[in-house]
């Protein structure tokens, strides 16, 4: 198969349907140029960045308050339930901590801060795609264990409702990431 046949399959070089032909100075056309936001559901890219950054900061603040103040750095919980909250803390800190730091650094308005925010935003998907499921599995293990696991609930229905709500939050966070990451990519390419 020759290279020209591959170019024809993916839309060609010169017919406007495939590989962009741009010089190194104009990266905005790689993201679609002036019409880049037409395919995004939220066309205001500054608002996209602010929403994503504020959500990251909110997650960090919430889990920090829960772990460090409510559970007193984990001293108020034991056994499996301790591991549930600790793994939640690690999942959110690893996924959203760098995004929060980079979002604060965006106030400096440097290209380094923009690059950090872009790459850390891409990295943040690891939180809900991998990390959020670890506490959910630990909760089920605690539920199935017949000894004291530190987990308390008033009825089986309440446990499964809470667990289902955590699964729904995880799925909604994944959807949130997939909704905002294309806008962040366009924002970074246009900058």
C-alpha atoms as a PDB file:
ATOM      1  CA  UNK A   1       0.000   0.000   0.000  1.00  0.00           C
ATOM      2  CA  UNK A   2       1.551   3.303  -1.015  1.00  0.00           C
ATOM      3  CA  UNK A   3       1.454   6.448   1.086  1.00  0.00           C
ATOM      4  CA  UNK A   4      -0.823   8.205  -1.403  1.00  0.00           C
ATOM      5  CA  UNK A   5      -3.500   5.537  -0.956  1.00  0.00           C
ATOM      6  CA  UNK A   6      -3.378   6.017   2.829  1.00  0.00           C
ATOM      7  CA  UNK A   7      -3.798   9.765   2.333  1.00  0.00           C
ATOM      8  CA  UNK A   8      -6.812   9.156   0.131  1.00  0.00           C
ATOM      9  CA  UNK A   9      -8.383   6.894   2.743  1.00  0.00           C
ATOM     10  CA  UNK A  10      -8.105   9.451   5.553  1.00  0.00           C
ATOM     11  CA  UNK A  11      -9.191  12.380   3.436  1.00  0.00           C
ATOM     12  CA  UNK A  12      -6.072  13.453   1.634  1.00  0.00           C
ATOM     13  CA  UNK A  13      -3.677  16.287   2.235  1.00  0.00           C
ATOM     14  CA  UNK A  14      -4.831  18.999  -0.114  1.00  0.00           C
ATOM     15  CA  UNK A  15      -8.575  18.465  -0.412  1.00  0.00           C
ATOM     16  CA  UNK A  16      -9.361  19.912   3.037  1.00  0.00           C
ATOM     17  CA  UNK A  17     -10.668  16.712   4.542  1.00  0.00           C
ATOM     18  CA  UNK A  18      -7.676  15.213   6.252  1.00  0.00           C
ATOM     19  CA  UNK A  19      -4.164  16.095   7.299  1.00  0.00           C
ATOM     20  CA  UNK A  20      -3.797  19.798   8.160  1.00  0.00           C
ATOM     21  CA  UNK A  21      -1.051  21.651   6.357  1.00  0.00           C
ATOM     22  CA  UNK A  22       0.170  24.352   8.712  1.00  0.00           C
ATOM     23  CA  UNK A  23       3.395  26.082   9.509  1.00  0.00           C
ATOM     24  CA  UNK A  24       4.892  25.843  12.988  1.00  0.00           C
ATOM     25  CA  UNK A  25       3.751  29.329  13.995  1.00  0.00           C
ATOM     26  CA  UNK A  26       0.009  28.886  13.431  1.00  0.00           C
ATOM     27  CA  UNK A  27      -1.171  26.104  15.732  1.00  0.00           C
ATOM     28  CA  UNK A  28      -4.720  27.436  15.966  1.00  0.00           C
ATOM     29  CA  UNK A  29      -5.686  25.797  12.697  1.00  0.00           C
ATOM     30  CA  UNK A  30      -4.714  22.399  14.100  1.00  0.00           C
ATOM     31  CA  UNK A  31      -7.564  22.787  16.552  1.00  0.00           C
ATOM     32  CA  UNK A  32      -9.960  23.865  13.853  1.00  0.00           C
ATOM     33  CA  UNK A  33      -9.130  27.552  13.630  1.00  0.00           C
ATOM     34  CA  UNK A  34     -11.749  30.158  14.309  1.00  0.00           C
ATOM     35  CA  UNK A  35     -14.534  27.602  13.997  1.00  0.00           C
ATOM     36  CA  UNK A  36     -12.921  25.228  16.488  1.00  0.00           C
ATOM     37  CA  UNK A  37     -15.568  25.802  19.117  1.00  0.00           C
ATOM     38  CA  UNK A  38     -18.471  25.088  16.784  1.00  0.00           C
ATOM     39  CA  UNK A  39     -18.403  21.372  17.603  1.00  0.00           C
ATOM     40  CA  UNK A  40     -18.137  21.926  21.384  1.00  0.00           C
ATOM     41  CA  UNK A  41     -21.189  22.013  23.598  1.00  0.00           C
ATOM     42  CA  UNK A  42     -19.682  24.874  25.639  1.00  0.00           C
ATOM     43  CA  UNK A  43     -18.152  27.367  23.255  1.00  0.00           C
ATOM     44  CA  UNK A  44     -16.813  29.814  25.861  1.00  0.00           C
ATOM     45  CA  UNK A  45     -13.386  28.287  26.446  1.00  0.00           C
ATOM     46  CA  UNK A  46     -12.545  30.526  29.409  1.00  0.00           C
ATOM     47  CA  UNK A  47     -15.716  29.372  31.126  1.00  0.00           C
ATOM     48  CA  UNK A  48     -14.750  25.767  30.340  1.00  0.00           C
ATOM     49  CA  UNK A  49     -11.367  26.209  32.009  1.00  0.00           C
ATOM     50  CA  UNK A  50     -12.908  27.934  35.030  1.00  0.00           C
ATOM     51  CA  UNK A  51     -15.583  25.286  35.541  1.00  0.00           C
ATOM     52  CA  UNK A  52     -13.052  22.460  35.249  1.00  0.00           C
ATOM     53  CA  UNK A  53     -10.634  24.148  37.651  1.00  0.00           C
ATOM     54  CA  UNK A  54     -13.326  25.000  40.205  1.00  0.00           C
ATOM     55  CA  UNK A  55     -14.651  21.434  40.132  1.00  0.00           C
ATOM     56  CA  UNK A  56     -11.108  20.186  40.772  1.00  0.00           C
ATOM     57  CA  UNK A  57     -10.623  22.602  43.665  1.00  0.00           C
ATOM     58  CA  UNK A  58     -14.038  21.661  45.097  1.00  0.00           C
ATOM     59  CA  UNK A  59     -13.175  17.964  45.064  1.00  0.00           C
ATOM     60  CA  UNK A  60      -9.859  18.597  46.789  1.00  0.00           C
ATOM     61  CA  UNK A  61     -11.477  20.817  49.425  1.00  0.00           C
ATOM     62  CA  UNK A  62     -14.324  18.361  50.092  1.00  0.00           C
ATOM     63  CA  UNK A  63     -12.142  15.275  50.511  1.00  0.00           C
ATOM     64  CA  UNK A  64      -9.669  17.245  52.630  1.00  0.00           C
ATOM     65  CA  UNK A  65     -12.416  18.420  54.992  1.00  0.00           C
ATOM     66  CA  UNK A  66     -13.839  14.916  55.249  1.00  0.00           C
ATOM     67  CA  UNK A  67     -10.520  13.178  55.896  1.00  0.00           C
ATOM     68  CA  UNK A  68      -8.564  15.736  57.912  1.00  0.00           C
ATOM     69  CA  UNK A  69     -11.355  17.381  59.928  1.00  0.00           C
ATOM     70  CA  UNK A  70     -14.420  15.126  60.046  1.00  0.00           C
ATOM     71  CA  UNK A  71     -12.563  11.820  60.338  1.00  0.00           C
ATOM     72  CA  UNK A  72      -9.583  13.471  62.123  1.00  0.00           C
ATOM     73  CA  UNK A  73      -6.991  12.150  59.667  1.00  0.00           C
ATOM     74  CA  UNK A  74      -8.597   8.731  59.738  1.00  0.00           C
ATOM     75  CA  UNK A  75      -8.543   8.253  63.491  1.00  0.00           C
ATOM     76  CA  UNK A  76     -12.353   8.105  63.727  1.00  0.00           C
ATOM     77  CA  UNK A  77     -12.626   5.174  61.297  1.00  0.00           C
ATOM     78  CA  UNK A  78     -11.107   1.701  61.382  1.00  0.00           C
ATOM     79  CA  UNK A  79     -10.364  -1.341  59.290  1.00  0.00           C
ATOM     80  CA  UNK A  80     -11.968  -1.541  55.845  1.00  0.00           C
ATOM     81  CA  UNK A  81     -13.753   1.776  56.249  1.00  0.00           C
ATOM     82  CA  UNK A  82     -10.423   3.486  56.927  1.00  0.00           C
ATOM     83  CA  UNK A  83      -9.077   2.036  53.683  1.00  0.00           C
ATOM     84  CA  UNK A  84     -12.215   3.189  51.846  1.00  0.00           C
ATOM     85  CA  UNK A  85     -11.724   6.814  52.860  1.00  0.00           C
ATOM     86  CA  UNK A  86      -7.944   6.723  52.488  1.00  0.00           C
ATOM     87  CA  UNK A  87      -8.168   5.311  48.952  1.00  0.00           C
ATOM     88  CA  UNK A  88     -10.757   7.987  48.147  1.00  0.00           C
ATOM     89  CA  UNK A  89      -8.362  10.640  49.413  1.00  0.00           C
ATOM     90  CA  UNK A  90      -5.505   9.272  47.293  1.00  0.00           C
ATOM     91  CA  UNK A  91      -7.694   8.892  44.176  1.00  0.00           C
ATOM     92  CA  UNK A  92      -8.877  12.495  44.353  1.00  0.00           C
ATOM     93  CA  UNK A  93      -5.484  13.925  45.304  1.00  0.00           C
ATOM     94  CA  UNK A  94      -3.748  12.070  42.457  1.00  0.00           C
ATOM     95  CA  UNK A  95      -6.416  12.862  39.867  1.00  0.00           C
ATOM     96  CA  UNK A  96      -7.446  16.380  40.810  1.00  0.00           C
ATOM     97  CA  UNK A  97      -4.588  17.744  42.926  1.00  0.00           C
ATOM     98  CA  UNK A  98      -2.348  18.604  39.964  1.00  0.00           C
ATOM     99  CA  UNK A  99      -5.309  20.180  38.140  1.00  0.00           C
ATOM    100  CA  UNK A 100      -6.050  22.368  41.157  1.00  0.00           C
ATOM    101  CA  UNK A 101      -2.438  23.502  41.476  1.00  0.00           C
ATOM    102  CA  UNK A 102      -2.210  24.222  37.742  1.00  0.00           C
ATOM    103  CA  UNK A 103      -5.539  26.092  37.855  1.00  0.00           C
ATOM    104  CA  UNK A 104      -4.178  28.354  40.577  1.00  0.00           C
ATOM    105  CA  UNK A 105      -0.981  28.810  38.540  1.00  0.00           C
ATOM    106  CA  UNK A 106      -3.116  29.975  35.584  1.00  0.00           C
ATOM    107  CA  UNK A 107      -3.427  33.262  37.462  1.00  0.00           C
ATOM    108  CA  UNK A 108       0.189  33.939  36.414  1.00  0.00           C
ATOM    109  CA  UNK A 109      -0.943  33.749  32.779  1.00  0.00           C
ATOM    110  CA  UNK A 110       2.228  32.041  31.579  1.00  0.00           C
ATOM    111  CA  UNK A 111       2.512  29.467  28.833  1.00  0.00           C
ATOM    112  CA  UNK A 112       4.098  27.068  31.343  1.00  0.00           C
ATOM    113  CA  UNK A 113       0.971  27.240  33.555  1.00  0.00           C
ATOM    114  CA  UNK A 114      -1.255  26.710  30.522  1.00  0.00           C
ATOM    115  CA  UNK A 115       0.758  23.671  29.466  1.00  0.00           C
ATOM    116  CA  UNK A 116       0.633  22.272  33.008  1.00  0.00           C
ATOM    117  CA  UNK A 117      -3.114  22.784  33.198  1.00  0.00           C
ATOM    118  CA  UNK A 118      -3.648  21.086  29.847  1.00  0.00           C
ATOM    119  CA  UNK A 119      -1.595  17.987  30.651  1.00  0.00           C
ATOM    120  CA  UNK A 120      -2.850  17.709  34.226  1.00  0.00           C
ATOM    121  CA  UNK A 121      -6.420  17.974  32.919  1.00  0.00           C
ATOM    122  CA  UNK A 122      -5.752  15.013  30.665  1.00  0.00           C
ATOM    123  CA  UNK A 123      -4.190  13.208  33.616  1.00  0.00           C
ATOM    124  CA  UNK A 124      -7.262  13.850  35.812  1.00  0.00           C
ATOM    125  CA  UNK A 125      -9.281  11.207  33.971  1.00  0.00           C
ATOM    126  CA  UNK A 126      -7.302   8.569  35.860  1.00  0.00           C
ATOM    127  CA  UNK A 127      -9.188   9.537  39.034  1.00  0.00           C
ATOM    128  CA  UNK A 128     -12.693   8.539  37.974  1.00  0.00           C
ATOM    129  CA  UNK A 129     -11.645   5.884  35.462  1.00  0.00           C
ATOM    130  CA  UNK A 130      -9.390   3.958  37.855  1.00  0.00           C
ATOM    131  CA  UNK A 131      -9.154   5.449  41.322  1.00  0.00           C
ATOM    132  CA  UNK A 132     -12.821   5.957  42.181  1.00  0.00           C
ATOM    133  CA  UNK A 133     -13.596   2.268  41.777  1.00  0.00           C
ATOM    134  CA  UNK A 134     -11.100   1.199  44.448  1.00  0.00           C
ATOM    135  CA  UNK A 135     -13.149   2.595  47.394  1.00  0.00           C
ATOM    136  CA  UNK A 136     -16.292   1.090  45.885  1.00  0.00           C
ATOM    137  CA  UNK A 137     -14.702  -2.361  45.811  1.00  0.00           C
ATOM    138  CA  UNK A 138     -13.396  -1.961  49.363  1.00  0.00           C
ATOM    139  CA  UNK A 139     -16.918  -1.036  50.515  1.00  0.00           C
ATOM    140  CA  UNK A 140     -18.348  -4.214  49.009  1.00  0.00           C
ATOM    141  CA  UNK A 141     -15.588  -6.237  50.660  1.00  0.00           C
ATOM    142  CA  UNK A 142     -16.413  -4.579  53.991  1.00  0.00           C
ATOM    143  CA  UNK A 143     -20.107  -5.276  53.463  1.00  0.00           C
ATOM    144  CA  UNK A 144     -19.486  -8.977  52.776  1.00  0.00           C
ATOM    145  CA  UNK A 145     -17.094  -9.464  55.700  1.00  0.00           C
ATOM    146  CA  UNK A 146     -18.726 -10.967  58.795  1.00  0.00           C
ATOM    147  CA  UNK A 147     -16.382  -9.365  61.314  1.00  0.00           C
ATOM    148  CA  UNK A 148     -16.064  -5.751  62.469  1.00  0.00           C
ATOM    149  CA  UNK A 149     -14.968  -3.725  59.437  1.00  0.00           C
ATOM    150  CA  UNK A 150     -15.673  -0.228  60.738  1.00  0.00           C
ATOM    151  CA  UNK A 151     -18.587   0.093  58.318  1.00  0.00           C
ATOM    152  CA  UNK A 152     -21.908   0.998  59.913  1.00  0.00           C
ATOM    153  CA  UNK A 153     -25.266   1.305  58.192  1.00  0.00           C
ATOM    154  CA  UNK A 154     -28.852   1.148  59.383  1.00  0.00           C
ATOM    155  CA  UNK A 155     -30.140  -1.303  56.777  1.00  0.00           C
ATOM    156  CA  UNK A 156     -29.010  -3.160  53.687  1.00  0.00           C
ATOM    157  CA  UNK A 157     -31.159  -0.888  51.547  1.00  0.00           C
ATOM    158  CA  UNK A 158     -29.346   2.189  52.871  1.00  0.00           C
ATOM    159  CA  UNK A 159     -25.958   0.622  52.178  1.00  0.00           C
ATOM    160  CA  UNK A 160     -26.845  -0.262  48.583  1.00  0.00           C
ATOM    161  CA  UNK A 161     -28.485   3.121  47.964  1.00  0.00           C
ATOM    162  CA  UNK A 162     -25.325   4.873  49.159  1.00  0.00           C
ATOM    163  CA  UNK A 163     -23.109   2.556  47.147  1.00  0.00           C
ATOM    164  CA  UNK A 164     -25.268   3.080  44.033  1.00  0.00           C
ATOM    165  CA  UNK A 165     -25.070   6.835  44.517  1.00  0.00           C
ATOM    166  CA  UNK A 166     -21.267   6.573  44.619  1.00  0.00           C
ATOM    167  CA  UNK A 167     -21.312   4.601  41.349  1.00  0.00           C
ATOM    168  CA  UNK A 168     -23.565   7.234  39.771  1.00  0.00           C
ATOM    169  CA  UNK A 169     -21.223  10.014  40.940  1.00  0.00           C
ATOM    170  CA  UNK A 170     -18.308   8.121  39.383  1.00  0.00           C
ATOM    171  CA  UNK A 171     -20.126   7.734  36.059  1.00  0.00           C
ATOM    172  CA  UNK A 172     -21.188  11.393  36.067  1.00  0.00           C
ATOM    173  CA  UNK A 173     -17.594  12.439  36.767  1.00  0.00           C
ATOM    174  CA  UNK A 174     -16.414  10.391  33.782  1.00  0.00           C
ATOM    175  CA  UNK A 175     -19.078  12.045  31.600  1.00  0.00           C
ATOM    176  CA  UNK A 176     -18.012  15.456  32.965  1.00  0.00           C
ATOM    177  CA  UNK A 177     -14.405  14.727  31.992  1.00  0.00           C
ATOM    178  CA  UNK A 178     -15.341  13.641  28.472  1.00  0.00           C
ATOM    179  CA  UNK A 179     -17.544  16.727  28.071  1.00  0.00           C
ATOM    180  CA  UNK A 180     -14.868  19.220  29.128  1.00  0.00           C
ATOM    181  CA  UNK A 181     -11.584  17.732  27.904  1.00  0.00           C
ATOM    182  CA  UNK A 182     -12.196  18.507  24.195  1.00  0.00           C
ATOM    183  CA  UNK A 183     -12.794  22.159  25.091  1.00  0.00           C
ATOM    184  CA  UNK A 184      -9.617  22.236  27.137  1.00  0.00           C
ATOM    185  CA  UNK A 185      -7.695  20.766  24.210  1.00  0.00           C
ATOM    186  CA  UNK A 186      -9.063  23.434  21.840  1.00  0.00           C
ATOM    187  CA  UNK A 187      -8.263  26.151  24.411  1.00  0.00           C
ATOM    188  CA  UNK A 188      -4.682  24.899  24.659  1.00  0.00           C
ATOM    189  CA  UNK A 189      -4.195  24.623  20.902  1.00  0.00           C
ATOM    190  CA  UNK A 190      -5.539  28.123  20.283  1.00  0.00           C
ATOM    191  CA  UNK A 191      -3.407  29.735  23.024  1.00  0.00           C
END
